[in-house]
Amino acid sequence: MPTLDELLKWVPVVTAILTGMAAWIAWSVKRGLVSHEELDHSMRQTQREITEINNRLIRVEAELDHIPTRDSINDLASRIYEMNGCLSGVKRQLDLLLQHHIKDDSKS
C-alpha cells in the first residue's frame, strides 16, 4: 500500500490534469455560446425577415379583398341563369317572327 508521501508526489500531476480538463471544458462551453454581436446580428436578421413576411401578408390580404366571395359568385351564377332563361324566350320569339316573315315573303 502506498504511503502518504508517495501519494503527495502525485498531487501536482493530478492538479495539472484537473486544471487542464477544467480549461478545456470552459473553452468548449464558451465556444458553444453566442457572443452579443452574433446575437444582435441574428436578431436584426430575424426582425428583417419578420418585417418582409408581414409586408407580403399585407399584400396578399389586399389582393384577397378583390376576390369575389362565394355569395357573390352564387349571385352572379343565379343572374346568368335568369338571363339564359330570358334569352331563350327572346330566341323563341325571334324564331317565330322569322318563320312568319319567311312565310310572308314566300306568299309575295
Foldseek 3Di string as FASTA:
>chain_A
DDDPVVVVVCVVVVVVVVVVVVVVVVVVVVVPDDDPVRVVVVVVVVVVVVVVVVVVVVVVVVVVVPDDDPVVVVVVVVVVVVVVVVVVVVVVVVVVVVVVVVVVVVVD
